Amino acid sequence: MNTKSLQAVCLVLTVLLTNPITVTAQELKPIQLLKPQMDSGKPLMQVFKDRTSSRKFSPEKLSDQVLSNLLWAAFGVNREDSGKRTAPSAMNWQEIDIYVTTANGLYLYDAPAHALKPVLAEDIRGLTGRQPFVKKAPVNLVYVADFSRMGKAKDDDKVFYSAADTGFISENVYLYCASKGLATVVRGLVDRPALGRIMMLRPEQRIILAQTVGYPEK
């Protein structure tokens, strides 16, 4: 092998070693979610009655329609003329992103397109929490605040409002799960620095909470 060839091989290896996530993310394809169903589920008062946390999950994959409905209920666009969402957002900052971890990889929910954008072709469900069930459940949602969208707000306000806005979204998930007989639990026990690194988050992004969703264990 001549010198130029050797240099080219070294360059390729350097790129692969220093950017493994970028390479593997290309293996994932965007997912256009199905149109959310608006005529299914239990009456609201029954949903309030059935809302609960569960830590026992079946490994069964969520159906495409259920995943679509779940994400739209969480923080989808419900007013196309204004782009406003199913959960309130302080100053309409819409600073919370929902990352979706599955056995296939990590995706970012694109609410205006109602689609999943590929981020990482790796199963990182086990990194989204310290409880054993997170590796088994089909979906773990990771709520990430992007402080860069919050303008000139004070740091304390960014922390407060992003936490409140995450609470609204996670409760929407709870109510949808109660409506469809799914199991869910919101979680704060997360190794945020480790998870943030593998998710390739920027310094102005902060993991707030994670939430596990799946069918109940049989």
N, C-alpha and C. Protein backbone atom coordinates (compact mmCIF):
# COMPACT_ATOMS: atom_id res chain seq x y z
N MET A 1 0.85 -1.19 0.00
CA MET A 1 0.00 0.00 0.00
C MET A 1 0.89 1.24 0.00
N ASN A 2 0.61 2.18 -0.93
CA ASN A 2 1.44 3.37 -0.99
C ASN A 2 1.04 4.37 0.10
N THR A 3 1.82 5.44 0.18
CA THR A 3 1.61 6.41 1.27
C THR A 3 0.25 7.08 1.18
N LYS A 4 -0.18 7.44 -0.06
CA LYS A 4 -1.47 8.12 -0.22
C LYS A 4 -2.63 7.22 0.17
N SER A 5 -2.51 5.93 -0.20
CA SER A 5 -3.57 4.99 0.15
C SER A 5 -3.66 4.80 1.66
N LEU A 6 -2.49 4.71 2.29
CA LEU A 6 -2.45 4.55 3.73
C LEU A 6 -3.05 5.76 4.44
N GLN A 7 -2.76 6.95 3.92
CA GLN A 7 -3.31 8.17 4.51
C GLN A 7 -4.83 8.20 4.37
N ALA A 8 -5.33 7.73 3.23
CA ALA A 8 -6.78 7.71 3.01
C ALA A 8 -7.47 6.76 3.97
N VAL A 9 -6.86 5.57 4.17
CA VAL A 9 -7.43 4.61 5.11
C VAL A 9 -7.45 5.18 6.52
N CYS A 10 -6.37 5.84 6.90
CA CYS A 10 -6.29 6.43 8.25
C CYS A 10 -7.35 7.50 8.43
N LEU A 11 -7.58 8.28 7.37
CA LEU A 11 -8.59 9.33 7.44
C LEU A 11 -9.98 8.74 7.65
N VAL A 12 -10.28 7.67 6.90
CA VAL A 12 -11.59 7.02 7.04
C VAL A 12 -11.77 6.46 8.44
N LEU A 13 -10.72 5.80 8.95
CA LEU A 13 -10.80 5.23 10.30
C LEU A 13 -10.99 6.32 11.35
N THR A 14 -10.31 7.45 11.14
CA THR A 14 -10.46 8.56 12.08
C THR A 14 -11.88 9.07 12.11
N VAL A 15 -12.49 9.21 10.94
CA VAL A 15 -13.87 9.67 10.85
C VAL A 15 -14.82 8.70 11.53
N LEU A 16 -14.61 7.41 11.28
CA LEU A 16 -15.48 6.39 11.87
C LEU A 16 -15.36 6.35 13.38
N LEU A 17 -14.14 6.50 13.88
CA LEU A 17 -13.92 6.40 15.31
C LEU A 17 -14.39 7.64 16.05
N THR A 18 -14.24 8.80 15.42
CA THR A 18 -14.62 10.04 16.10
C THR A 18 -16.07 10.41 15.88
N ASN A 19 -16.71 9.81 14.88
CA ASN A 19 -18.11 10.12 14.60
C ASN A 19 -18.94 8.86 14.40
N PRO A 20 -18.90 7.90 15.31
CA PRO A 20 -19.63 6.66 15.11
C PRO A 20 -21.13 6.85 15.08
N ILE A 21 -21.63 7.81 15.84
CA ILE A 21 -23.08 8.03 15.90
C ILE A 21 -23.58 8.58 14.59
N THR A 22 -22.84 9.51 13.99
CA THR A 22 -23.25 10.09 12.72
C THR A 22 -23.38 9.03 11.65
N VAL A 23 -22.45 8.10 11.63
CA VAL A 23 -22.47 7.05 10.62
C VAL A 23 -23.67 6.13 10.84
N THR A 24 -23.85 5.66 12.08
CA THR A 24 -24.92 4.71 12.33
C THR A 24 -26.29 5.34 12.21
N ALA A 25 -26.41 6.65 12.49
CA ALA A 25 -27.71 7.30 12.38
C ALA A 25 -28.22 7.26 10.96
N GLN A 26 -27.32 7.22 9.99
CA GLN A 26 -27.72 7.20 8.60
C GLN A 26 -28.43 5.89 8.23
N GLU A 27 -28.30 4.86 9.07
CA GLU A 27 -28.97 3.60 8.79
C GLU A 27 -30.46 3.68 9.06
N LEU A 28 -30.87 4.62 9.91
CA LEU A 28 -32.27 4.80 10.20
C LEU A 28 -32.93 5.67 9.14
N LYS A 29 -34.20 5.43 8.91
CA LYS A 29 -34.95 6.25 7.96
C LYS A 29 -36.03 7.02 8.71
N PRO A 30 -36.40 8.20 8.23
CA PRO A 30 -37.51 8.93 8.84
C PRO A 30 -38.78 8.09 8.78
N ILE A 31 -39.64 8.28 9.75
CA ILE A 31 -40.91 7.56 9.81
C ILE A 31 -42.05 8.57 9.76
N GLN A 32 -42.86 8.49 8.70
CA GLN A 32 -44.06 9.31 8.65
C GLN A 32 -45.15 8.61 9.44
N LEU A 33 -45.57 9.22 10.52
CA LEU A 33 -46.56 8.61 11.38
C LEU A 33 -47.95 8.63 10.74
N LEU A 34 -48.76 7.68 11.12
CA LEU A 34 -50.13 7.63 10.63
C LEU A 34 -50.92 8.83 11.15
N LYS A 35 -51.98 9.17 10.47
CA LYS A 35 -52.84 10.25 10.92
C LYS A 35 -53.46 9.86 12.26
N PRO A 36 -53.37 10.74 13.27
CA PRO A 36 -53.92 10.37 14.58
C PRO A 36 -55.43 10.20 14.54
N GLN A 37 -55.91 9.24 15.30
CA GLN A 37 -57.35 8.98 15.38
C GLN A 37 -57.97 9.90 16.42
N MET A 38 -59.05 10.53 16.06
CA MET A 38 -59.71 11.47 16.96
C MET A 38 -61.01 10.91 17.55
N ASP A 39 -61.37 9.69 17.18
CA ASP A 39 -62.67 9.15 17.58
C ASP A 39 -62.54 7.86 18.37
N SER A 40 -61.44 7.71 19.11
CA SER A 40 -61.25 6.48 19.89
C SER A 40 -60.96 6.83 21.34
N GLY A 41 -61.06 5.84 22.22
CA GLY A 41 -60.72 6.05 23.61
C GLY A 41 -61.94 6.18 24.51
N LYS A 42 -61.67 6.18 25.80
CA LYS A 42 -62.72 6.24 26.83
C LYS A 42 -63.17 7.68 27.07
N PRO A 43 -64.35 7.86 27.68
CA PRO A 43 -64.79 9.19 28.09
C PRO A 43 -63.80 9.80 29.09
N LEU A 44 -63.72 11.12 29.11
CA LEU A 44 -62.70 11.81 29.91
C LEU A 44 -62.77 11.45 31.39
N MET A 45 -63.94 11.43 31.98
CA MET A 45 -64.04 11.16 33.41
C MET A 45 -63.59 9.73 33.74
N GLN A 46 -63.83 8.80 32.83
CA GLN A 46 -63.36 7.43 33.02
C GLN A 46 -61.84 7.38 32.94
N VAL A 47 -61.27 8.21 32.06
CA VAL A 47 -59.82 8.28 31.93
C VAL A 47 -59.19 8.78 33.23
N PHE A 48 -59.78 9.83 33.81
CA PHE A 48 -59.26 10.31 35.10
C PHE A 48 -59.32 9.22 36.16
N LYS A 49 -60.38 8.46 36.14
CA LYS A 49 -60.53 7.38 37.11
C LYS A 49 -59.45 6.31 36.93
N ASP A 50 -59.08 6.02 35.69
CA ASP A 50 -58.16 4.93 35.39
C ASP A 50 -56.69 5.35 35.36
N ARG A 51 -56.42 6.65 35.42
CA ARG A 51 -55.02 7.11 35.32
C ARG A 51 -54.19 6.58 36.48
N THR A 52 -53.04 5.99 36.16
CA THR A 52 -52.18 5.41 37.19
C THR A 52 -50.77 5.23 36.65
N SER A 53 -49.82 5.01 37.54
CA SER A 53 -48.45 4.67 37.15
C SER A 53 -48.26 3.17 37.26
N SER A 54 -47.53 2.62 36.31
CA SER A 54 -47.24 1.18 36.33
C SER A 54 -45.79 0.96 35.93
N ARG A 55 -45.18 -0.02 36.57
CA ARG A 55 -43.79 -0.36 36.26
C ARG A 55 -43.67 -1.79 35.76
N LYS A 56 -44.76 -2.33 35.27
CA LYS A 56 -44.77 -3.69 34.73
C LYS A 56 -45.22 -3.63 33.28
N PHE A 57 -44.29 -3.95 32.38
CA PHE A 57 -44.53 -3.77 30.95
C PHE A 57 -44.31 -5.06 30.17
N SER A 58 -45.12 -5.24 29.15
CA SER A 58 -44.90 -6.29 28.16
C SER A 58 -43.87 -5.78 27.14
N PRO A 59 -43.03 -6.66 26.59
CA PRO A 59 -42.09 -6.24 25.55
C PRO A 59 -42.75 -6.05 24.19
N GLU A 60 -44.05 -6.32 24.10
CA GLU A 60 -44.74 -6.23 22.82
C GLU A 60 -44.62 -4.83 22.23
N LYS A 61 -44.30 -4.76 20.96
CA LYS A 61 -44.14 -3.48 20.26
C LYS A 61 -45.48 -2.76 20.15
N LEU A 62 -45.46 -1.43 20.33
CA LEU A 62 -46.67 -0.65 20.11
C LEU A 62 -47.03 -0.64 18.63
N SER A 63 -48.30 -0.70 18.34
CA SER A 63 -48.72 -0.64 16.94
C SER A 63 -48.41 0.74 16.38
N ASP A 64 -48.30 0.83 15.05
CA ASP A 64 -48.00 2.11 14.41
C ASP A 64 -49.06 3.15 14.73
N GLN A 65 -50.32 2.73 14.79
CA GLN A 65 -51.39 3.68 15.07
C GLN A 65 -51.34 4.17 16.51
N VAL A 66 -51.06 3.28 17.43
CA VAL A 66 -50.97 3.66 18.84
C VAL A 66 -49.82 4.64 19.06
N LEU A 67 -48.67 4.38 18.44
CA LEU A 67 -47.53 5.28 18.58
C LEU A 67 -47.86 6.66 18.01
N SER A 68 -48.54 6.67 16.88
CA SER A 68 -48.95 7.94 16.28
C SER A 68 -49.87 8.71 17.21
N ASN A 69 -50.89 8.03 17.72
CA ASN A 69 -51.85 8.67 18.61
C ASN A 69 -51.18 9.17 19.88
N LEU A 70 -50.28 8.36 20.42
CA LEU A 70 -49.58 8.70 21.65
C LEU A 70 -48.79 10.00 21.51
N LEU A 71 -48.01 10.12 20.45
CA LEU A 71 -47.16 11.29 20.28
C LEU A 71 -47.98 12.54 19.98
N TRP A 72 -49.05 12.36 19.20
CA TRP A 72 -49.90 13.51 18.92
C TRP A 72 -50.57 13.98 20.21
N ALA A 73 -51.07 13.04 21.01
CA ALA A 73 -51.69 13.42 22.28
C ALA A 73 -50.69 14.12 23.19
N ALA A 74 -49.45 13.67 23.17
CA ALA A 74 -48.43 14.23 24.04
C ALA A 74 -48.16 15.69 23.73
N PHE A 75 -47.85 15.99 22.47
CA PHE A 75 -47.46 17.36 22.13
C PHE A 75 -47.57 17.60 20.63
N GLY A 76 -48.64 17.06 20.05
CA GLY A 76 -48.85 17.26 18.63
C GLY A 76 -49.48 18.61 18.32
N VAL A 77 -49.52 18.95 17.06
CA VAL A 77 -50.14 20.20 16.61
C VAL A 77 -51.64 19.98 16.49
N ASN A 78 -52.41 20.73 17.26
CA ASN A 78 -53.87 20.60 17.19
C ASN A 78 -54.56 21.83 16.59
N ARG A 79 -53.75 22.83 16.22
CA ARG A 79 -54.27 24.01 15.54
C ARG A 79 -53.29 24.39 14.43
N GLU A 80 -53.54 23.85 13.26
CA GLU A 80 -52.59 24.00 12.16
C GLU A 80 -52.40 25.45 11.73
N ASP A 81 -53.41 26.28 11.92
CA ASP A 81 -53.27 27.67 11.49
C ASP A 81 -52.25 28.44 12.32
N SER A 82 -52.08 28.04 13.58
CA SER A 82 -51.13 28.73 14.46
C SER A 82 -49.94 27.88 14.85
N GLY A 83 -50.02 26.57 14.59
CA GLY A 83 -48.95 25.66 15.00
C GLY A 83 -48.94 25.35 16.48
N LYS A 84 -50.01 25.74 17.19
CA LYS A 84 -50.05 25.47 18.62
C LYS A 84 -50.40 24.01 18.89
N ARG A 85 -50.16 23.59 20.13
CA ARG A 85 -50.04 22.17 20.42
C ARG A 85 -51.08 21.69 21.43
N THR A 86 -51.07 20.38 21.68
CA THR A 86 -52.02 19.74 22.59
C THR A 86 -51.70 20.00 24.06
N ALA A 87 -50.49 20.50 24.36
CA ALA A 87 -50.11 20.86 25.72
C ALA A 87 -49.71 22.33 25.74
N PRO A 88 -50.01 23.05 26.82
CA PRO A 88 -49.63 24.46 26.89
C PRO A 88 -48.13 24.62 26.98
N SER A 89 -47.67 25.79 26.56
CA SER A 89 -46.25 26.10 26.56
C SER A 89 -46.09 27.57 26.93
N ALA A 90 -45.29 27.86 27.94
CA ALA A 90 -45.09 29.24 28.37
C ALA A 90 -44.58 30.10 27.22
N MET A 91 -45.24 31.23 27.01
CA MET A 91 -44.87 32.17 25.94
C MET A 91 -44.88 31.52 24.56
N ASN A 92 -45.52 30.35 24.45
CA ASN A 92 -45.50 29.56 23.22
C ASN A 92 -44.07 29.30 22.75
N TRP A 93 -43.16 29.09 23.71
CA TRP A 93 -41.78 28.80 23.35
C TRP A 93 -41.65 27.44 22.67
N GLN A 94 -42.52 26.50 23.05
CA GLN A 94 -42.44 25.14 22.53
C GLN A 94 -41.00 24.61 22.64
N GLU A 95 -40.46 24.77 23.84
CA GLU A 95 -39.04 24.45 24.06
C GLU A 95 -38.79 22.97 24.36
N ILE A 96 -39.85 22.19 24.53
CA ILE A 96 -39.67 20.78 24.88
C ILE A 96 -39.69 19.92 23.62
N ASP A 97 -38.66 19.11 23.46
CA ASP A 97 -38.60 18.11 22.39
C ASP A 97 -38.84 16.74 23.00
N ILE A 98 -39.51 15.89 22.24
CA ILE A 98 -39.73 14.51 22.67
C ILE A 98 -38.83 13.59 21.83
N TYR A 99 -37.90 12.94 22.50
CA TYR A 99 -37.08 11.92 21.86
C TYR A 99 -37.71 10.56 22.16
N VAL A 100 -37.74 9.71 21.16
CA VAL A 100 -38.42 8.42 21.26
C VAL A 100 -37.38 7.31 21.11
N THR A 101 -37.22 6.50 22.15
CA THR A 101 -36.27 5.39 22.08
C THR A 101 -37.04 4.08 21.92
N THR A 102 -36.62 3.30 20.94
CA THR A 102 -37.21 1.98 20.68
C THR A 102 -36.08 0.98 20.47
N ALA A 103 -36.45 -0.26 20.22
CA ALA A 103 -35.44 -1.28 19.95
C ALA A 103 -34.68 -0.96 18.67
N ASN A 104 -35.29 -0.22 17.76
CA ASN A 104 -34.64 0.10 16.49
C ASN A 104 -33.68 1.26 16.58
N GLY A 105 -33.90 2.17 17.54
CA GLY A 105 -33.03 3.31 17.63
C GLY A 105 -33.68 4.49 18.31
N LEU A 106 -33.03 5.64 18.18
CA LEU A 106 -33.47 6.89 18.78
C LEU A 106 -34.00 7.82 17.71
N TYR A 107 -35.17 8.39 17.96
CA TYR A 107 -35.82 9.30 17.02
C TYR A 107 -36.20 10.59 17.74
N LEU A 108 -36.38 11.65 16.97
CA LEU A 108 -36.89 12.91 17.46
C LEU A 108 -38.27 13.15 16.85
N TYR A 109 -39.26 13.42 17.69
CA TYR A 109 -40.61 13.67 17.20
C TYR A 109 -40.69 15.06 16.59
N ASP A 110 -41.05 15.11 15.31
CA ASP A 110 -41.27 16.35 14.57
C ASP A 110 -42.77 16.59 14.54
N ALA A 111 -43.26 17.44 15.45
CA ALA A 111 -44.71 17.62 15.58
C ALA A 111 -45.36 18.25 14.35
N PRO A 112 -44.80 19.32 13.76
CA PRO A 112 -45.45 19.91 12.59
C PRO A 112 -45.61 18.92 11.43
N ALA A 113 -44.64 18.04 11.25
CA ALA A 113 -44.71 17.04 10.19
C ALA A 113 -45.37 15.75 10.67
N HIS A 114 -45.60 15.64 11.96
CA HIS A 114 -46.08 14.41 12.60
C HIS A 114 -45.27 13.21 12.08
N ALA A 115 -43.98 13.29 12.35
CA ALA A 115 -43.03 12.29 11.85
C ALA A 115 -41.92 12.09 12.87
N LEU A 116 -41.18 11.00 12.71
CA LEU A 116 -40.03 10.73 13.54
C LEU A 116 -38.76 10.91 12.73
N LYS A 117 -37.86 11.74 13.23
CA LYS A 117 -36.58 11.97 12.57
C LYS A 117 -35.51 11.06 13.19
N PRO A 118 -34.74 10.36 12.38
CA PRO A 118 -33.72 9.46 12.94
C PRO A 118 -32.58 10.23 13.59
N VAL A 119 -32.13 9.73 14.72
CA VAL A 119 -31.01 10.33 15.44
C VAL A 119 -29.87 9.32 15.60
N LEU A 120 -30.21 8.12 16.05
CA LEU A 120 -29.17 7.12 16.36
C LEU A 120 -29.70 5.72 16.14
N ALA A 121 -29.02 4.94 15.33
CA ALA A 121 -29.42 3.56 15.06
C ALA A 121 -28.85 2.62 16.12
N GLU A 122 -29.32 2.80 17.33
CA GLU A 122 -28.84 1.98 18.44
C GLU A 122 -29.93 1.92 19.50
N ASP A 123 -30.08 0.77 20.11
CA ASP A 123 -31.08 0.60 21.16
C ASP A 123 -30.51 1.15 22.47
N ILE A 124 -30.96 2.33 22.86
CA ILE A 124 -30.45 2.95 24.09
C ILE A 124 -31.53 3.00 25.18
N ARG A 125 -32.55 2.17 25.05
CA ARG A 125 -33.62 2.20 26.05
C ARG A 125 -33.07 2.03 27.46
N GLY A 126 -32.10 1.15 27.62
CA GLY A 126 -31.55 0.89 28.94
C GLY A 126 -30.84 2.07 29.57
N LEU A 127 -30.46 3.06 28.74
CA LEU A 127 -29.77 4.24 29.25
C LEU A 127 -30.74 5.34 29.67
N THR A 128 -32.03 5.15 29.42
CA THR A 128 -33.00 6.19 29.73
C THR A 128 -33.47 6.14 31.18
N GLY A 129 -32.94 5.22 31.96
CA GLY A 129 -33.31 5.12 33.37
C GLY A 129 -32.52 4.04 34.05
N ARG A 130 -32.64 3.98 35.36
CA ARG A 130 -31.86 3.02 36.14
C ARG A 130 -32.70 1.84 36.62
N GLN A 131 -33.97 1.82 36.24
CA GLN A 131 -34.83 0.72 36.63
C GLN A 131 -34.77 -0.38 35.57
N PRO A 132 -34.85 -1.65 35.98
CA PRO A 132 -34.72 -2.75 35.01
C PRO A 132 -35.76 -2.75 33.91
N PHE A 133 -36.96 -2.26 34.18
CA PHE A 133 -38.04 -2.37 33.19
C PHE A 133 -37.83 -1.48 31.96
N VAL A 134 -36.94 -0.47 32.07
CA VAL A 134 -36.79 0.43 30.92
C VAL A 134 -36.20 -0.28 29.70
N LYS A 135 -35.44 -1.34 29.95
CA LYS A 135 -34.84 -2.10 28.85
C LYS A 135 -35.86 -2.99 28.15
N LYS A 136 -36.93 -3.32 28.87
CA LYS A 136 -37.92 -4.27 28.37
C LYS A 136 -39.06 -3.58 27.63
N ALA A 137 -39.49 -2.44 28.14
CA ALA A 137 -40.64 -1.74 27.55
C ALA A 137 -40.34 -1.31 26.13
N PRO A 138 -41.35 -1.28 25.25
CA PRO A 138 -41.10 -0.98 23.84
C PRO A 138 -40.72 0.46 23.56
N VAL A 139 -41.17 1.41 24.41
CA VAL A 139 -40.92 2.83 24.14
C VAL A 139 -40.55 3.55 25.44
N ASN A 140 -39.49 4.34 25.36
CA ASN A 140 -39.17 5.28 26.42
C ASN A 140 -39.08 6.66 25.79
N LEU A 141 -39.86 7.59 26.29
CA LEU A 141 -39.83 8.97 25.83
C LEU A 141 -38.86 9.76 26.70
N VAL A 142 -38.06 10.60 26.09
CA VAL A 142 -37.14 11.46 26.82
C VAL A 142 -37.50 12.90 26.50
N TYR A 143 -37.84 13.66 27.54
CA TYR A 143 -38.25 15.06 27.36
C TYR A 143 -37.04 15.96 27.54
N VAL A 144 -36.73 16.71 26.50
CA VAL A 144 -35.53 17.55 26.49
C VAL A 144 -35.92 19.00 26.26
N ALA A 145 -35.49 19.88 27.16
CA ALA A 145 -35.73 21.32 27.01
C ALA A 145 -34.59 21.94 26.23
N ASP A 146 -34.96 22.79 25.28
CA ASP A 146 -33.97 23.54 24.50
C ASP A 146 -34.05 25.00 24.96
N PHE A 147 -33.14 25.38 25.84
CA PHE A 147 -33.17 26.72 26.43
C PHE A 147 -32.92 27.81 25.40
N SER A 148 -32.34 27.46 24.26
CA SER A 148 -32.08 28.48 23.23
C SER A 148 -33.36 29.04 22.64
N ARG A 149 -34.48 28.33 22.82
CA ARG A 149 -35.77 28.80 22.30
C ARG A 149 -36.49 29.73 23.27
N MET A 150 -35.91 29.94 24.43
CA MET A 150 -36.62 30.66 25.49
C MET A 150 -36.17 32.11 25.61
N GLY A 151 -35.59 32.62 24.56
CA GLY A 151 -35.25 34.03 24.47
C GLY A 151 -34.37 34.51 25.60
N LYS A 152 -34.74 35.66 26.16
CA LYS A 152 -33.94 36.30 27.19
C LYS A 152 -34.45 35.98 28.59
N ALA A 153 -35.19 34.90 28.72
CA ALA A 153 -35.69 34.51 30.04
C ALA A 153 -34.53 34.26 31.00
N LYS A 154 -34.74 34.54 32.27
CA LYS A 154 -33.72 34.28 33.28
C LYS A 154 -33.51 32.78 33.42
N ASP A 155 -32.34 32.40 33.85
CA ASP A 155 -32.02 30.97 33.97
C ASP A 155 -33.01 30.25 34.89
N ASP A 156 -33.37 30.88 36.01
CA ASP A 156 -34.33 30.24 36.92
C ASP A 156 -35.67 30.04 36.24
N ASP A 157 -36.08 31.01 35.42
CA ASP A 157 -37.36 30.89 34.72
C ASP A 157 -37.30 29.78 33.66
N LYS A 158 -36.18 29.64 33.01
CA LYS A 158 -36.04 28.57 32.02
C LYS A 158 -36.20 27.20 32.67
N VAL A 159 -35.58 27.04 33.82
CA VAL A 159 -35.69 25.77 34.54
C VAL A 159 -37.13 25.53 34.99
N PHE A 160 -37.75 26.57 35.56
CA PHE A 160 -39.11 26.42 36.08
C PHE A 160 -40.11 26.12 34.98
N TYR A 161 -40.11 26.93 33.93
CA TYR A 161 -41.13 26.77 32.89
C TYR A 161 -40.93 25.50 32.07
N SER A 162 -39.69 25.11 31.84
CA SER A 162 -39.47 23.87 31.09
C SER A 162 -39.92 22.67 31.90
N ALA A 163 -39.76 22.72 33.21
CA ALA A 163 -40.25 21.63 34.06
C ALA A 163 -41.77 21.59 34.05
N ALA A 164 -42.40 22.77 34.15
CA ALA A 164 -43.86 22.82 34.12
C ALA A 164 -44.40 22.32 32.78
N ASP A 165 -43.80 22.75 31.69
CA ASP A 165 -44.26 22.35 30.37
C ASP A 165 -44.09 20.85 30.15
N THR A 166 -43.01 20.29 30.68
CA THR A 166 -42.83 18.84 30.60
C THR A 166 -43.92 18.12 31.38
N GLY A 167 -44.32 18.70 32.51
CA GLY A 167 -45.40 18.10 33.29
C GLY A 167 -46.70 18.03 32.51
N PHE A 168 -47.01 19.08 31.76
CA PHE A 168 -48.23 19.07 30.96
C PHE A 168 -48.18 17.96 29.91
N ILE A 169 -47.04 17.83 29.26
CA ILE A 169 -46.89 16.83 28.19
C ILE A 169 -46.97 15.42 28.77
N SER A 170 -46.26 15.19 29.86
CA SER A 170 -46.25 13.84 30.43
C SER A 170 -47.64 13.45 30.94
N GLU A 171 -48.42 14.43 31.42
CA GLU A 171 -49.77 14.11 31.86
C GLU A 171 -50.66 13.77 30.66
N ASN A 172 -50.46 14.44 29.53
CA ASN A 172 -51.18 14.06 28.32
C ASN A 172 -50.91 12.59 27.98
N VAL A 173 -49.66 12.17 28.14
CA VAL A 173 -49.30 10.78 27.88
C VAL A 173 -50.03 9.86 28.86
N TYR A 174 -50.06 10.24 30.12
CA TYR A 174 -50.78 9.46 31.12
C TYR A 174 -52.25 9.29 30.73
N LEU A 175 -52.88 10.37 30.33
CA LEU A 175 -54.30 10.32 30.01
C LEU A 175 -54.56 9.48 28.76
N TYR A 176 -53.68 9.60 27.76
CA TYR A 176 -53.86 8.76 26.58
C TYR A 176 -53.71 7.29 26.95
N CYS A 177 -52.70 6.98 27.76
CA CYS A 177 -52.47 5.59 28.15
C CYS A 177 -53.65 5.03 28.94
N ALA A 178 -54.22 5.85 29.82
CA ALA A 178 -55.40 5.41 30.56
C ALA A 178 -56.57 5.16 29.62
N SER A 179 -56.67 5.98 28.58
CA SER A 179 -57.75 5.85 27.61
C SER A 179 -57.65 4.57 26.80
N LYS A 180 -56.40 4.12 26.55
CA LYS A 180 -56.19 2.96 25.67
C LYS A 180 -55.72 1.72 26.40
N GLY A 181 -55.71 1.76 27.72
CA GLY A 181 -55.31 0.57 28.48
C GLY A 181 -53.82 0.27 28.43
N LEU A 182 -53.01 1.30 28.23
CA LEU A 182 -51.55 1.14 28.21
C LEU A 182 -50.97 1.40 29.59
N ALA A 183 -49.77 0.87 29.82
CA ALA A 183 -49.04 1.13 31.05
C ALA A 183 -48.05 2.26 30.82
N THR A 184 -47.85 3.09 31.84
CA THR A 184 -46.86 4.17 31.72
C THR A 184 -46.41 4.61 33.10
N VAL A 185 -45.22 5.19 33.15
CA VAL A 185 -44.71 5.82 34.37
C VAL A 185 -43.70 6.88 33.96
N VAL A 186 -43.79 8.04 34.60
CA VAL A 186 -42.82 9.11 34.35
C VAL A 186 -41.69 8.95 35.36
N ARG A 187 -40.47 9.26 34.92
CA ARG A 187 -39.29 8.94 35.73
C ARG A 187 -38.28 10.09 35.76
N GLY A 188 -37.72 10.32 36.93
CA GLY A 188 -36.67 11.32 37.06
C GLY A 188 -35.31 10.71 37.32
N LEU A 189 -35.29 9.39 37.60
CA LEU A 189 -34.03 8.70 37.92
C LEU A 189 -33.30 8.36 36.62
N VAL A 190 -32.56 9.35 36.11
CA VAL A 190 -31.87 9.23 34.83
C VAL A 190 -30.44 9.75 34.99
N ASP A 191 -29.48 9.05 34.40
CA ASP A 191 -28.10 9.56 34.37
C ASP A 191 -28.05 10.57 33.22
N ARG A 192 -28.38 11.81 33.52
CA ARG A 192 -28.52 12.82 32.47
C ARG A 192 -27.24 13.10 31.69
N PRO A 193 -26.08 13.22 32.35
CA PRO A 193 -24.86 13.47 31.57
C PRO A 193 -24.54 12.35 30.57
N ALA A 194 -24.66 11.10 31.02
CA ALA A 194 -24.35 9.97 30.13
C ALA A 194 -25.35 9.88 28.99
N LEU A 195 -26.64 10.05 29.31
CA LEU A 195 -27.65 9.97 28.26
C LEU A 195 -27.53 11.14 27.30
N GLY A 196 -27.26 12.32 27.82
CA GLY A 196 -27.11 13.49 26.96
C GLY A 196 -25.97 13.35 25.97
N ARG A 197 -24.89 12.71 26.40
CA ARG A 197 -23.75 12.52 25.49
C ARG A 197 -24.12 11.61 24.34
N ILE A 198 -24.76 10.49 24.63
CA ILE A 198 -25.07 9.55 23.55
C ILE A 198 -26.18 10.09 22.66
N MET A 199 -27.02 10.99 23.20
CA MET A 199 -28.06 11.61 22.39
C MET A 199 -27.54 12.79 21.59
N MET A 200 -26.27 13.16 21.82
CA MET A 200 -25.61 14.26 21.11
C MET A 200 -26.30 15.59 21.37
N LEU A 201 -26.71 15.81 22.61
CA LEU A 201 -27.37 17.05 22.96
C LEU A 201 -26.37 18.20 23.03
N ARG A 202 -26.84 19.39 22.68
CA ARG A 202 -26.02 20.59 22.75
C ARG A 202 -25.99 21.11 24.19
N PRO A 203 -25.05 21.99 24.52
CA PRO A 203 -24.96 22.50 25.90
C PRO A 203 -26.23 23.18 26.38
N GLU A 204 -26.98 23.80 25.47
CA GLU A 204 -28.20 24.51 25.87
C GLU A 204 -29.41 23.60 25.96
N GLN A 205 -29.22 22.31 25.75
CA GLN A 205 -30.31 21.35 25.90
C GLN A 205 -30.18 20.62 27.24
N ARG A 206 -31.33 20.35 27.86
CA ARG A 206 -31.32 19.70 29.17
C ARG A 206 -32.40 18.62 29.23
N ILE A 207 -32.01 17.43 29.66
CA ILE A 207 -32.97 16.35 29.88
C ILE A 207 -33.77 16.66 31.14
N ILE A 208 -35.10 16.68 31.03
CA ILE A 208 -35.95 16.98 32.17
C ILE A 208 -36.45 15.69 32.82
N LEU A 209 -37.17 14.87 32.06
CA LEU A 209 -37.72 13.62 32.56
C LEU A 209 -37.72 12.58 31.45
N ALA A 210 -37.97 11.35 31.84
CA ALA A 210 -38.21 10.27 30.88
C ALA A 210 -39.55 9.63 31.24
N GLN A 211 -40.15 8.96 30.28
CA GLN A 211 -41.44 8.29 30.52
C GLN A 211 -41.51 7.01 29.72
N THR A 212 -41.82 5.94 30.40
CA THR A 212 -41.91 4.62 29.78
C THR A 212 -43.35 4.33 29.40
N VAL A 213 -43.53 3.75 28.22
CA VAL A 213 -44.87 3.42 27.72
C VAL A 213 -44.85 2.03 27.09
N GLY A 214 -45.90 1.26 27.36
CA GLY A 214 -46.02 -0.05 26.74
C GLY A 214 -47.35 -0.70 27.10
N TYR A 215 -47.53 -1.88 26.60
CA TYR A 215 -48.69 -2.66 27.01
C TYR A 215 -48.45 -3.24 28.38
N PRO A 216 -49.49 -3.43 29.18
CA PRO A 216 -49.29 -3.99 30.54
C PRO A 216 -48.73 -5.41 30.45
N GLU A 217 -47.93 -5.76 31.45
CA GLU A 217 -47.39 -7.11 31.54
C GLU A 217 -48.53 -8.09 31.76
N LYS A 218 -48.50 -9.17 31.03
CA LYS A 218 -49.57 -10.18 31.14
C LYS A 218 -49.22 -11.24 32.17
